[in-house]
PDB file of N, CA and C in Angstrom:
ATOM      1  N   MET A   1      94.042  78.998-131.182  1.00  0.00           N
ATOM      2  CA  MET A   1      93.892  78.231-132.407  1.00  0.00           C
ATOM      3  C   MET A   1      94.216  76.760-132.111  1.00  0.00           C
ATOM      4  N   PHE A   2      93.364  75.870-132.578  1.00  0.00           N
ATOM      5  CA  PHE A   2      93.615  74.438-132.438  1.00  0.00           C
ATOM      6  C   PHE A   2      94.660  74.021-133.464  1.00  0.00           C
ATOM      7  N   THR A   3      95.551  73.125-133.083  1.00  0.00           N
ATOM      8  CA  THR A   3      96.580  72.676-134.018  1.00  0.00           C
ATOM      9  C   THR A   3      96.438  71.217-134.425  1.00  0.00           C
ATOM     10  N   LYS A   4      95.820  70.379-133.575  1.00  0.00           N
ATOM     11  CA  LYS A   4      95.583  68.982-133.947  1.00  0.00           C
ATOM     12  C   LYS A   4      94.676  68.330-132.912  1.00  0.00           C
ATOM     13  N   LEU A   5      94.124  67.202-133.285  1.00  0.00           N
ATOM     14  CA  LEU A   5      93.356  66.389-132.352  1.00  0.00           C
ATOM     15  C   LEU A   5      94.341  65.431-131.698  1.00  0.00           C
ATOM     16  N   ALA A   6      94.451  65.477-130.388  1.00  0.00           N
ATOM     17  CA  ALA A   6      95.454  64.680-129.689  1.00  0.00           C
ATOM     18  C   ALA A   6      94.927  63.341-129.191  1.00  0.00           C
ATOM     19  N   GLU A   7      93.727  63.348-128.602  1.00  0.00           N
ATOM     20  CA  GLU A   7      93.216  62.138-127.979  1.00  0.00           C
ATOM     21  C   GLU A   7      91.708  62.034-128.146  1.00  0.00           C
ATOM     22  N   VAL A   8      91.237  60.801-128.221  1.00  0.00           N
ATOM     23  CA  VAL A   8      89.813  60.499-128.191  1.00  0.00           C
ATOM     24  C   VAL A   8      89.617  59.566-127.001  1.00  0.00           C
ATOM     25  N   MET A   9      88.740  59.927-126.098  1.00  0.00           N
ATOM     26  CA  MET A   9      88.530  59.127-124.908  1.00  0.00           C
ATOM     27  C   MET A   9      87.385  58.147-125.125  1.00  0.00           C
ATOM     28  N   LEU A  10      87.672  56.874-124.891  1.00  0.00           N
ATOM     29  CA  LEU A  10      86.657  55.826-124.973  1.00  0.00           C
ATOM     30  C   LEU A  10      86.398  55.311-123.557  1.00  0.00           C
ATOM     31  N   TYR A  11      85.139  55.289-123.178  1.00  0.00           N
ATOM     32  CA  TYR A  11      84.755  54.816-121.853  1.00  0.00           C
ATOM     33  C   TYR A  11      84.292  53.375-122.003  1.00  0.00           C
ATOM     34  N   VAL A  12      85.043  52.457-121.420  1.00  0.00           N
ATOM     35  CA  VAL A  12      84.814  51.022-121.620  1.00  0.00           C
ATOM     36  C   VAL A  12      84.486  50.345-120.297  1.00  0.00           C
ATOM     37  N   ASN A  13      83.844  49.200-120.391  1.00  0.00           N
ATOM     38  CA  ASN A  13      83.474  48.445-119.199  1.00  0.00           C
ATOM     39  C   ASN A  13      84.614  47.594-118.665  1.00  0.00           C
ATOM     40  N   ASP A  14      85.538  47.170-119.524  1.00  0.00           N
ATOM     41  CA  ASP A  14      86.654  46.319-119.118  1.00  0.00           C
ATOM     42  C   ASP A  14      87.909  46.808-119.846  1.00  0.00           C
ATOM     43  N   GLN A  15      88.729  47.582-119.154  1.00  0.00           N
ATOM     44  CA  GLN A  15      89.911  48.167-119.778  1.00  0.00           C
ATOM     45  C   GLN A  15      90.881  47.106-120.296  1.00  0.00           C
ATOM     46  N   ASP A  16      91.114  46.051-119.541  1.00  0.00           N
ATOM     47  CA  ASP A  16      92.072  45.042-119.966  1.00  0.00           C
ATOM     48  C   ASP A  16      91.587  44.298-121.209  1.00  0.00           C
ATOM     49  N   ALA A  17      90.302  43.964-121.254  1.00  0.00           N
ATOM     50  CA  ALA A  17      89.751  43.309-122.445  1.00  0.00           C
ATOM     51  C   ALA A  17      89.790  44.261-123.631  1.00  0.00           C
ATOM     52  N   SER A  18      89.503  45.528-123.396  1.00  0.00           N
ATOM     53  CA  SER A  18      89.543  46.511-124.480  1.00  0.00           C
ATOM     54  C   SER A  18      90.963  46.692-124.991  1.00  0.00           C
ATOM     55  N   LYS A  19      91.927  46.779-124.095  1.00  0.00           N
ATOM     56  CA  LYS A  19      93.337  46.885-124.500  1.00  0.00           C
ATOM     57  C   LYS A  19      93.730  45.678-125.345  1.00  0.00           C
ATOM     58  N   LYS A  20      93.338  44.500-124.905  1.00  0.00           N
ATOM     59  CA  LYS A  20      93.652  43.275-125.645  1.00  0.00           C
ATOM     60  C   LYS A  20      93.050  43.320-127.041  1.00  0.00           C
ATOM     61  N   PHE A  21      91.785  43.780-127.165  1.00  0.00           N
ATOM     62  CA  PHE A  21      91.128  43.885-128.465  1.00  0.00           C
ATOM     63  C   PHE A  21      91.910  44.812-129.391  1.00  0.00           C
ATOM     64  N   TRP A  22      92.178  46.043-128.942  1.00  0.00           N
ATOM     65  CA  TRP A  22      92.855  47.016-129.800  1.00  0.00           C
ATOM     66  C   TRP A  22      94.273  46.572-130.143  1.00  0.00           C
ATOM     67  N   LYS A  23      94.952  45.914-129.214  1.00  0.00           N
ATOM     68  CA  LYS A  23      96.332  45.471-129.448  1.00  0.00           C
ATOM     69  C   LYS A  23      96.391  44.196-130.285  1.00  0.00           C
ATOM     70  N   GLU A  24      95.708  43.149-129.852  1.00  0.00           N
ATOM     71  CA  GLU A  24      95.851  41.841-130.491  1.00  0.00           C
ATOM     72  C   GLU A  24      95.016  41.692-131.758  1.00  0.00           C
ATOM     73  N   LYS A  25      93.817  42.225-131.758  1.00  0.00           N
ATOM     74  CA  LYS A  25      92.957  42.041-132.923  1.00  0.00           C
ATOM     75  C   LYS A  25      93.180  43.119-133.982  1.00  0.00           C
ATOM     76  N   LEU A  26      93.481  44.358-133.549  1.00  0.00           N
ATOM     77  CA  LEU A  26      93.619  45.458-134.510  1.00  0.00           C
ATOM     78  C   LEU A  26      95.060  45.884-134.735  1.00  0.00           C
ATOM     79  N   GLY A  27      95.980  45.370-133.946  1.00  0.00           N
ATOM     80  CA  GLY A  27      97.392  45.683-134.155  1.00  0.00           C
ATOM     81  C   GLY A  27      97.829  47.049-133.656  1.00  0.00           C
ATOM     82  N   PHE A  28      97.027  47.667-132.779  1.00  0.00           N
ATOM     83  CA  PHE A  28      97.411  48.955-132.219  1.00  0.00           C
ATOM     84  C   PHE A  28      98.569  48.781-131.247  1.00  0.00           C
ATOM     85  N   LYS A  29      99.328  49.837-131.029  1.00  0.00           N
ATOM     86  CA  LYS A  29     100.429  49.855-130.074  1.00  0.00           C
ATOM     87  C   LYS A  29      99.919  50.442-128.762  1.00  0.00           C
ATOM     88  N   VAL A  30     100.337  49.838-127.658  1.00  0.00           N
ATOM     89  CA  VAL A  30     100.057  50.426-126.352  1.00  0.00           C
ATOM     90  C   VAL A  30     101.152  51.449-126.111  1.00  0.00           C
ATOM     91  N   VAL A  31     100.775  52.721-126.104  1.00  0.00           N
ATOM     92  CA  VAL A  31     101.736  53.805-125.953  1.00  0.00           C
ATOM     93  C   VAL A  31     102.069  54.018-124.487  1.00  0.00           C
ATOM     94  N   SER A  32     101.046  53.961-123.631  1.00  0.00           N
ATOM     95  CA  SER A  32     101.288  54.130-122.200  1.00  0.00           C
ATOM     96  C   SER A  32     100.111  53.597-121.402  1.00  0.00           C
ATOM     97  N   GLU A  33     100.410  53.290-120.148  1.00  0.00           N
ATOM     98  CA  GLU A  33      99.392  52.948-119.161  1.00  0.00           C
ATOM     99  C   GLU A  33      99.704  53.780-117.937  1.00  0.00           C
ATOM    100  N   SER A  34      98.737  54.524-117.471  1.00  0.00           N
ATOM    101  CA  SER A  34      98.965  55.434-116.352  1.00  0.00           C
ATOM    102  C   SER A  34      97.829  55.331-115.365  1.00  0.00           C
ATOM    103  N   GLY A  35      98.059  55.921-114.221  1.00  0.00           N
ATOM    104  CA  GLY A  35      97.010  55.951-113.223  1.00  0.00           C
ATOM    105  C   GLY A  35      97.259  57.051-112.218  1.00  0.00           C
ATOM    106  N   ALA A  36      96.190  57.509-111.625  1.00  0.00           N
ATOM    107  CA  ALA A  36      96.253  58.500-110.554  1.00  0.00           C
ATOM    108  C   ALA A  36      95.734  57.826-109.300  1.00  0.00           C
ATOM    109  N   GLY A  37      96.576  57.075-108.654  1.00  0.00           N
ATOM    110  CA  GLY A  37      96.131  56.294-107.501  1.00  0.00           C
ATOM    111  C   GLY A  37      95.395  55.051-107.972  1.00  0.00           C
ATOM    112  N   ASP A  38      94.707  54.411-107.062  1.00  0.00           N
ATOM    113  CA  ASP A  38      93.972  53.190-107.392  1.00  0.00           C
ATOM    114  C   ASP A  38      92.668  53.483-108.120  1.00  0.00           C
ATOM    115  N   GLU A  39      92.165  54.696-107.991  1.00  0.00           N
ATOM    116  CA  GLU A  39      90.852  55.036-108.532  1.00  0.00           C
ATOM    117  C   GLU A  39      90.831  55.186-110.047  1.00  0.00           C
ATOM    118  N   MET A  40      91.826  55.876-110.615  1.00  0.00           N
ATOM    119  CA  MET A  40      91.765  56.248-112.031  1.00  0.00           C
ATOM    120  C   MET A  40      92.952  55.645-112.789  1.00  0.00           C
ATOM    121  N   ARG A  41      92.629  54.947-113.861  1.00  0.00           N
ATOM    122  CA  ARG A  41      93.638  54.319-114.706  1.00  0.00           C
ATOM    123  C   ARG A  41      93.257  54.583-116.149  1.00  0.00           C
ATOM    124  N   TRP A  42      94.249  54.837-117.000  1.00  0.00           N
ATOM    125  CA  TRP A  42      93.973  55.002-118.422  1.00  0.00           C
ATOM    126  C   TRP A  42      95.045  54.328-119.238  1.00  0.00           C
ATOM    127  N   ILE A  43      94.641  53.886-120.428  1.00  0.00           N
ATOM    128  CA  ILE A  43      95.529  53.165-121.349  1.00  0.00           C
ATOM    129  C   ILE A  43      95.476  53.897-122.685  1.00  0.00           C
ATOM    130  N   GLU A  44      96.642  54.281-123.181  1.00  0.00           N
ATOM    131  CA  GLU A  44      96.727  54.987-124.460  1.00  0.00           C
ATOM    132  C   GLU A  44      97.157  54.022-125.557  1.00  0.00           C
ATOM    133  N   VAL A  45      96.357  53.935-126.616  1.00  0.00           N
ATOM    134  CA  VAL A  45      96.678  53.075-127.763  1.00  0.00           C
ATOM    135  C   VAL A  45      96.555  53.899-129.041  1.00  0.00           C
ATOM    136  N   ARG A  46      97.327  53.492-130.052  1.00  0.00           N
ATOM    137  CA  ARG A  46      97.196  54.121-131.371  1.00  0.00           C
ATOM    138  C   ARG A  46      97.697  53.146-132.426  1.00  0.00           C
ATOM    139  N   PRO A  47      97.249  53.317-133.684  1.00  0.00           N
ATOM    140  CA  PRO A  47      97.609  52.351-134.724  1.00  0.00           C
ATOM    141  C   PRO A  47      99.095  52.333-135.053  1.00  0.00           C
ATOM    142  N   MET A  48      99.754  53.485-134.999  1.00  0.00           N
ATOM    143  CA  MET A  48     101.193  53.588-135.249  1.00  0.00           C
ATOM    144  C   MET A  48     101.719  54.728-134.399  1.00  0.00           C
ATOM    145  N   GLU A  49     103.016  54.745-134.140  1.00  0.00           N
ATOM    146  CA  GLU A  49     103.592  55.788-133.299  1.00  0.00           C
ATOM    147  C   GLU A  49     103.299  57.186-133.825  1.00  0.00           C
ATOM    148  N   ASP A  50     103.312  57.371-135.144  1.00  0.00           N
ATOM    149  CA  ASP A  50     103.129  58.700-135.725  1.00  0.00           C
ATOM    150  C   ASP A  50     101.720  58.899-136.277  1.00  0.00           C
ATOM    151  N   ALA A  51     100.753  58.197-135.715  1.00  0.00           N
ATOM    152  CA  ALA A  51      99.389  58.208-136.255  1.00  0.00           C
ATOM    153  C   ALA A  51      98.583  59.448-135.889  1.00  0.00           C
ATOM    154  N   GLY A  52      99.136  60.341-135.096  1.00  0.00           N
ATOM    155  CA  GLY A  52      98.356  61.504-134.689  1.00  0.00           C
ATOM    156  C   GLY A  52      97.598  61.220-133.419  1.00  0.00           C
ATOM    157  N   ALA A  53      96.296  61.240-133.472  1.00  0.00           N
ATOM    158  CA  ALA A  53      95.466  61.073-132.279  1.00  0.00           C
ATOM    159  C   ALA A  53      95.567  59.665-131.702  1.00  0.00           C
ATOM    160  N   SER A  54      95.486  59.601-130.395  1.00  0.00           N
ATOM    161  CA  SER A  54      95.471  58.337-129.661  1.00  0.00           C
ATOM    162  C   SER A  54      94.072  58.065-129.147  1.00  0.00           C
ATOM    163  N   LEU A  55      93.801  56.816-128.850  1.00  0.00           N
ATOM    164  CA  LEU A  55      92.593  56.441-128.110  1.00  0.00           C
ATOM    165  C   LEU A  55      93.011  56.251-126.664  1.00  0.00           C
ATOM    166  N   ILE A  56      92.255  56.833-125.763  1.00  0.00           N
ATOM    167  CA  ILE A  56      92.521  56.669-124.341  1.00  0.00           C
ATOM    168  C   ILE A  56      91.375  55.849-123.760  1.00  0.00           C
ATOM    169  N   LEU A  57      91.698  54.682-123.239  1.00  0.00           N
ATOM    170  CA  LEU A  57      90.696  53.768-122.695  1.00  0.00           C
ATOM    171  C   LEU A  57      90.529  54.035-121.198  1.00  0.00           C
ATOM    172  N   PHE A  58      89.350  54.504-120.821  1.00  0.00           N
ATOM    173  CA  PHE A  58      89.023  54.791-119.429  1.00  0.00           C
ATOM    174  C   PHE A  58      87.952  53.824-118.951  1.00  0.00           C
ATOM    175  N   ASP A  59      88.006  53.484-117.674  1.00  0.00           N
ATOM    176  CA  ASP A  59      86.962  52.671-117.070  1.00  0.00           C
ATOM    177  C   ASP A  59      85.704  53.520-116.916  1.00  0.00           C
ATOM    178  N   ARG A  60      84.637  53.104-117.563  1.00  0.00           N
ATOM    179  CA  ARG A  60      83.385  53.873-117.586  1.00  0.00           C
ATOM    180  C   ARG A  60      82.843  54.140-116.173  1.00  0.00           C
ATOM    181  N   LYS A  61      82.789  53.129-115.324  1.00  0.00           N
ATOM    182  CA  LYS A  61      82.193  53.304-113.995  1.00  0.00           C
ATOM    183  C   LYS A  61      82.983  54.289-113.141  1.00  0.00           C
ATOM    184  N   THR A  62      84.298  54.257-113.240  1.00  0.00           N
ATOM    185  CA  THR A  62      85.123  55.187-112.473  1.00  0.00           C
ATOM    186  C   THR A  62      84.898  56.615-112.936  1.00  0.00           C
ATOM    187  N   VAL A  63      84.880  56.831-114.243  1.00  0.00           N
ATOM    188  CA  VAL A  63      84.679  58.177-114.772  1.00  0.00           C
ATOM    189  C   VAL A  63      83.270  58.670-114.446  1.00  0.00           C
ATOM    190  N   GLU A  64      82.289  57.790-114.536  1.00  0.00           N
ATOM    191  CA  GLU A  64      80.919  58.181-114.182  1.00  0.00           C
ATOM    192  C   GLU A  64      80.841  58.663-112.737  1.00  0.00           C
ATOM    193  N   LYS A  65      81.611  58.028-111.862  1.00  0.00           N
ATOM    194  CA  LYS A  65      81.614  58.409-110.455  1.00  0.00           C
ATOM    195  C   LYS A  65      82.157  59.832-110.274  1.00  0.00           C
ATOM    196  N   PHE A  66      83.231  60.169-110.988  1.00  0.00           N
ATOM    197  CA  PHE A  66      83.862  61.469-110.828  1.00  0.00           C
ATOM    198  C   PHE A  66      83.236  62.556-111.709  1.00  0.00           C
ATOM    199  N   SER A  67      82.702  62.174-112.854  1.00  0.00           N
ATOM    200  CA  SER A  67      82.150  63.158-113.802  1.00  0.00           C
ATOM    201  C   SER A  67      80.844  62.649-114.405  1.00  0.00           C
ATOM    202  N   PRO A  68      79.785  62.576-113.605  1.00  0.00           N
ATOM    203  CA  PRO A  68      78.518  62.011-114.113  1.00  0.00           C
ATOM    204  C   PRO A  68      77.872  62.849-115.215  1.00  0.00           C
ATOM    205  N   GLU A  69      78.301  64.078-115.411  1.00  0.00           N
ATOM    206  CA  GLU A  69      77.706  64.941-116.427  1.00  0.00           C
ATOM    207  C   GLU A  69      78.213  64.648-117.842  1.00  0.00           C
ATOM    208  N   LEU A  70      79.237  63.853-117.988  1.00  0.00           N
ATOM    209  CA  LEU A  70      79.801  63.566-119.310  1.00  0.00           C
ATOM    210  C   LEU A  70      78.865  62.714-120.154  1.00  0.00           C
ATOM    211  N   ASN A  71      79.014  62.816-121.463  1.00  0.00           N
ATOM    212  CA  ASN A  71      78.310  61.950-122.401  1.00  0.00           C
ATOM    213  C   ASN A  71      79.149  60.677-122.543  1.00  0.00           C
ATOM    214  N   PHE A  72      78.591  59.540-122.176  1.00  0.00           N
ATOM    215  CA  PHE A  72      79.347  58.300-122.188  1.00  0.00           C
ATOM    216  C   PHE A  72      79.079  57.445-123.426  1.00  0.00           C
ATOM    217  N   GLY A  73      78.424  58.016-124.419  1.00  0.00           N
ATOM    218  CA  GLY A  73      78.214  57.310-125.674  1.00  0.00           C
ATOM    219  C   GLY A  73      79.532  57.165-126.423  1.00  0.00           C
ATOM    220  N   THR A  74      79.630  56.139-127.243  1.00  0.00           N
ATOM    221  CA  THR A  74      80.837  55.921-128.032  1.00  0.00           C
ATOM    222  C   THR A  74      80.877  56.902-129.187  1.00  0.00           C
ATOM    223  N   PRO A  75      82.002  57.600-129.355  1.00  0.00           N
ATOM    224  CA  PRO A  75      82.083  58.525-130.494  1.00  0.00           C
ATOM    225  C   PRO A  75      82.091  57.757-131.810  1.00  0.00           C
ATOM    226  N   SER A  76      81.651  58.399-132.857  1.00  0.00           N
ATOM    227  CA  SER A  76      81.674  57.795-134.182  1.00  0.00           C
ATOM    228  C   SER A  76      83.064  58.032-134.776  1.00  0.00           C
ATOM    229  N   LEU A  77      83.867  56.994-134.816  1.00  0.00           N
ATOM    230  CA  LEU A  77      85.250  57.114-135.278  1.00  0.00           C
ATOM    231  C   LEU A  77      85.401  56.500-136.658  1.00  0.00           C
ATOM    232  N   MET A  78      86.145  57.186-137.514  1.00  0.00           N
ATOM    233  CA  MET A  78      86.469  56.689-138.849  1.00  0.00           C
ATOM    234  C   MET A  78      87.980  56.523-138.929  1.00  0.00           C
ATOM    235  N   PHE A  79      88.411  55.319-139.234  1.00  0.00           N
ATOM    236  CA  PHE A  79      89.828  55.032-139.425  1.00  0.00           C
ATOM    237  C   PHE A  79      90.119  54.936-140.920  1.00  0.00           C
ATOM    238  N   PHE A  80      91.362  55.133-141.291  1.00  0.00           N
ATOM    239  CA  PHE A  80      91.801  54.990-142.676  1.00  0.00           C
ATOM    240  C   PHE A  80      92.753  53.812-142.796  1.00  0.00           C
ATOM    241  N   THR A  81      92.785  53.203-143.977  1.00  0.00           N
ATOM    242  CA  THR A  81      93.716  52.126-144.286  1.00  0.00           C
ATOM    243  C   THR A  81      94.141  52.257-145.740  1.00  0.00           C
ATOM    244  N   ASP A  82      95.319  51.716-146.048  1.00  0.00           N
ATOM    245  CA  ASP A  82      95.795  51.727-147.431  1.00  0.00           C
ATOM    246  C   ASP A  82      95.191  50.592-148.247  1.00  0.00           C
ATOM    247  N   ASP A  83      94.823  49.486-147.578  1.00  0.00           N
ATOM    248  CA  ASP A  83      94.295  48.314-148.278  1.00  0.00           C
ATOM    249  C   ASP A  83      93.046  47.816-147.551  1.00  0.00           C
ATOM    250  N   LEU A  84      91.902  48.292-147.970  1.00  0.00           N
ATOM    251  CA  LEU A  84      90.633  47.985-147.311  1.00  0.00           C
ATOM    252  C   LEU A  84      90.316  46.493-147.348  1.00  0.00           C
ATOM    253  N   ASP A  85      90.511  45.869-148.505  1.00  0.00           N
ATOM    254  CA  ASP A  85      90.190  44.444-148.638  1.00  0.00           C
ATOM    255  C   ASP A  85      91.066  43.584-147.730  1.00  0.00           C
ATOM    256  N   GLN A  86      92.344  43.895-147.681  1.00  0.00           N
ATOM    257  CA  GLN A  86      93.263  43.123-146.843  1.00  0.00           C
ATOM    258  C   GLN A  86      92.905  43.282-145.364  1.00  0.00           C
ATOM    259  N   LEU A  87      92.632  44.520-144.922  1.00  0.00           N
ATOM    260  CA  LEU A  87      92.269  44.747-143.521  1.00  0.00           C
ATOM    261  C   LEU A  87      90.964  44.040-143.190  1.00  0.00           C
ATOM    262  N   HIS A  88      89.989  44.102-144.074  1.00  0.00           N
ATOM    263  CA  HIS A  88      88.712  43.417-143.855  1.00  0.00           C
ATOM    264  C   HIS A  88      88.951  41.927-143.638  1.00  0.00           C
ATOM    265  N   GLN A  89      89.795  41.317-144.469  1.00  0.00           N
ATOM    266  CA  GLN A  89      90.087  39.887-144.342  1.00  0.00           C
ATOM    267  C   GLN A  89      90.848  39.585-143.058  1.00  0.00           C
ATOM    268  N   GLU A  90      91.837  40.423-142.707  1.00  0.00           N
ATOM    269  CA  GLU A  90      92.614  40.213-141.486  1.00  0.00           C
ATOM    270  C   GLU A  90      91.717  40.264-140.247  1.00  0.00           C
ATOM    271  N   LEU A  91      90.837  41.246-140.199  1.00  0.00           N
ATOM    272  CA  LEU A  91      89.947  41.352-139.046  1.00  0.00           C
ATOM    273  C   LEU A  91      88.969  40.191-138.991  1.00  0.00           C
ATOM    274  N   THR A  92      88.471  39.773-140.136  1.00  0.00           N
ATOM    275  CA  THR A  92      87.585  38.608-140.206  1.00  0.00           C
ATOM    276  C   THR A  92      88.308  37.372-139.687  1.00  0.00           C
ATOM    277  N   ASP A  93      89.551  37.168-140.135  1.00  0.00           N
ATOM    278  CA  ASP A  93      90.345  36.018-139.711  1.00  0.00           C
ATOM    279  C   ASP A  93      90.624  36.021-138.204  1.00  0.00           C
ATOM    280  N   LYS A  94      90.696  37.212-137.605  1.00  0.00           N
ATOM    281  CA  LYS A  94      90.959  37.335-136.166  1.00  0.00           C
ATOM    282  C   LYS A  94      89.681  37.267-135.338  1.00  0.00           C
ATOM    283  N   GLY A  95      88.551  37.068-135.994  1.00  0.00           N
ATOM    284  CA  GLY A  95      87.293  36.915-135.272  1.00  0.00           C
ATOM    285  C   GLY A  95      86.631  38.223-134.867  1.00  0.00           C
ATOM    286  N   VAL A  96      87.044  39.323-135.485  1.00  0.00           N
ATOM    287  CA  VAL A  96      86.411  40.608-135.203  1.00  0.00           C
ATOM    288  C   VAL A  96      85.063  40.648-135.916  1.00  0.00           C
ATOM    289  N   ASN A  97      84.072  41.223-135.283  1.00  0.00           N
ATOM    290  CA  ASN A  97      82.756  41.383-135.903  1.00  0.00           C
ATOM    291  C   ASN A  97      82.860  42.494-136.946  1.00  0.00           C
ATOM    292  N   VAL A  98      82.890  42.131-138.225  1.00  0.00           N
ATOM    293  CA  VAL A  98      83.019  43.114-139.305  1.00  0.00           C
ATOM    294  C   VAL A  98      81.786  43.058-140.200  1.00  0.00           C
ATOM    295  N   GLY A  99      81.409  44.225-140.703  1.00  0.00           N
ATOM    296  CA  GLY A  99      80.324  44.305-141.666  1.00  0.00           C
ATOM    297  C   GLY A  99      80.868  44.109-143.069  1.00  0.00           C
ATOM    298  N   LYS A 100      79.971  44.021-144.022  1.00  0.00           N
ATOM    299  CA  LYS A 100      80.416  43.860-145.404  1.00  0.00           C
ATOM    300  C   LYS A 100      80.956  45.186-145.926  1.00  0.00           C
ATOM    301  N   ILE A 101      81.800  45.097-146.924  1.00  0.00           N
ATOM    302  CA  ILE A 101      82.338  46.300-147.546  1.00  0.00           C
ATOM    303  C   ILE A 101      81.240  46.973-148.353  1.00  0.00           C
ATOM    304  N   GLU A 102      81.035  48.248-148.075  1.00  0.00           N
ATOM    305  CA  GLU A 102      80.019  49.041-148.767  1.00  0.00           C
ATOM    306  C   GLU A 102      80.704  50.018-149.720  1.00  0.00           C
ATOM    307  N   GLU A 103      80.039  50.302-150.828  1.00  0.00           N
ATOM    308  CA  GLU A 103      80.581  51.258-151.785  1.00  0.00           C
ATOM    309  C   GLU A 103      79.587  52.391-151.976  1.00  0.00           C
ATOM    310  N   TYR A 104      80.080  53.602-151.854  1.00  0.00           N
ATOM    311  CA  TYR A 104      79.300  54.822-152.048  1.00  0.00           C
ATOM    312  C   TYR A 104      80.057  55.681-153.054  1.00  0.00           C
ATOM    313  N   GLY A 105      79.731  55.517-154.325  1.00  0.00           N
ATOM    314  CA  GLY A 105      80.510  56.201-155.362  1.00  0.00           C
ATOM    315  C   GLY A 105      81.921  55.654-155.360  1.00  0.00           C
ATOM    316  N   SER A 106      82.903  56.511-155.191  1.00  0.00           N
ATOM    317  CA  SER A 106      84.299  56.057-155.163  1.00  0.00           C
ATOM    318  C   SER A 106      84.762  55.697-153.752  1.00  0.00           C
ATOM    319  N   MET A 107      83.914  55.901-152.747  1.00  0.00           N
ATOM    320  CA  MET A 107      84.281  55.591-151.370  1.00  0.00           C
ATOM    321  C   MET A 107      83.919  54.148-151.028  1.00  0.00           C
ATOM    322  N   ARG A 108      84.855  53.438-150.411  1.00  0.00           N
ATOM    323  CA  ARG A 108      84.619  52.081-149.930  1.00  0.00           C
ATOM    324  C   ARG A 108      84.869  52.066-148.431  1.00  0.00           C
ATOM    325  N   THR A 109      83.997  51.403-147.700  1.00  0.00           N
ATOM    326  CA  THR A 109      84.086  51.424-146.245  1.00  0.00           C
ATOM    327  C   THR A 109      83.472  50.157-145.650  1.00  0.00           C
ATOM    328  N   PHE A 110      83.819  49.863-144.405  1.00  0.00           N
ATOM    329  CA  PHE A 110      83.114  48.838-143.639  1.00  0.00           C
ATOM    330  C   PHE A 110      83.152  49.211-142.161  1.00  0.00           C
ATOM    331  N   ASN A 111      82.220  48.642-141.407  1.00  0.00           N
ATOM    332  CA  ASN A 111      82.145  48.837-139.964  1.00  0.00           C
ATOM    333  C   ASN A 111      82.715  47.619-139.259  1.00  0.00           C
ATOM    334  N   PHE A 112      83.141  47.823-138.032  1.00  0.00           N
ATOM    335  CA  PHE A 112      83.554  46.719-137.167  1.00  0.00           C
ATOM    336  C   PHE A 112      83.198  47.107-135.743  1.00  0.00           C
ATOM    337  N   SER A 113      83.139  46.107-134.857  1.00  0.00           N
ATOM    338  CA  SER A 113      82.829  46.401-133.460  1.00  0.00           C
ATOM    339  C   SER A 113      83.806  45.701-132.539  1.00  0.00           C
ATOM    340  N   ASP A 114      83.928  46.267-131.338  1.00  0.00           N
ATOM    341  CA  ASP A 114      84.729  45.612-130.308  1.00  0.00           C
ATOM    342  C   ASP A 114      83.832  44.644-129.538  1.00  0.00           C
ATOM    343  N   GLU A 115      84.382  44.026-128.490  1.00  0.00           N
ATOM    344  CA  GLU A 115      83.621  43.039-127.726  1.00  0.00           C
ATOM    345  C   GLU A 115      82.478  43.653-126.922  1.00  0.00           C
ATOM    346  N   GLU A 116      82.505  44.982-126.729  1.00  0.00           N
ATOM    347  CA  GLU A 116      81.433  45.659-126.001  1.00  0.00           C
ATOM    348  C   GLU A 116      80.368  46.201-126.951  1.00  0.00           C
ATOM    349  N   GLU A 117      80.444  45.806-128.213  1.00  0.00           N
ATOM    350  CA  GLU A 117      79.509  46.192-129.272  1.00  0.00           C
ATOM    351  C   GLU A 117      79.512  47.689-129.566  1.00  0.00           C
ATOM    352  N   ASN A 118      80.689  48.302-129.421  1.00  0.00           N
ATOM    353  CA  ASN A 118      80.898  49.672-129.881  1.00  0.00           C
ATOM    354  C   ASN A 118      81.316  49.585-131.338  1.00  0.00           C
ATOM    355  N   TYR A 119      80.646  50.334-132.204  1.00  0.00           N
ATOM    356  CA  TYR A 119      80.907  50.246-133.640  1.00  0.00           C
ATOM    357  C   TYR A 119      81.791  51.388-134.125  1.00  0.00           C
ATOM    358  N   PHE A 120      82.689  51.037-135.047  1.00  0.00           N
ATOM    359  CA  PHE A 120      83.621  51.964-135.656  1.00  0.00           C
ATOM    360  C   PHE A 120      83.620  51.712-137.154  1.00  0.00           C
ATOM    361  N   ALA A 121      84.225  52.609-137.917  1.00  0.00           N
ATOM    362  CA  ALA A 121      84.261  52.450-139.368  1.00  0.00           C
ATOM    363  C   ALA A 121      85.693  52.619-139.863  1.00  0.00           C
ATOM    364  N   VAL A 122      85.935  52.063-141.030  1.00  0.00           N
ATOM    365  CA  VAL A 122      87.243  52.216-141.671  1.00  0.00           C
ATOM    366  C   VAL A 122      87.008  52.393-143.159  1.00  0.00           C
ATOM    367  N   MET A 123      87.825  53.229-143.782  1.00  0.00           N
ATOM    368  CA  MET A 123      87.726  53.439-145.227  1.00  0.00           C
ATOM    369  C   MET A 123      89.117  53.581-145.807  1.00  0.00           C
ATOM    370  N   LYS A 124      89.203  53.389-147.107  1.00  0.00           N
ATOM    371  CA  LYS A 124      90.488  53.576-147.777  1.00  0.00           C
ATOM    372  C   LYS A 124      90.818  55.052-147.728  1.00  0.00           C
ATOM    373  N   GLY A 125      92.021  55.365-147.248  1.00  0.00           N
ATOM    374  CA  GLY A 125      92.393  56.768-147.078  1.00  0.00           C
ATOM    375  C   GLY A 125      93.690  57.129-147.710  1.00  0.00           C
TER     376      GLY A 125
END
């Protein structure tokens, strides 16, 4: 039986730039940085210590070398926030590429992207 989702792996072209984006622009915490020799390195980030699942940032080219059969597309991730308007403004002020706030009935949401043009969504949760 599954008990929770622990990690989501993101395959990125520049781990350090991606870490900087998630930390400085989105306010995520760097939980750990690990490596298995010089070949494999991963960075764990999450919005808060008790947020549940973490994002694990892997170097795409290294993982492709060891596991070429994997799907390297960016997963469709939905984040939650308590104040959608405030977060939208904060990300805009930090220069993050954000879409306009959309309303679907009682649901309000917007998309944003990182520097590698991977798109994510956030909604009031």
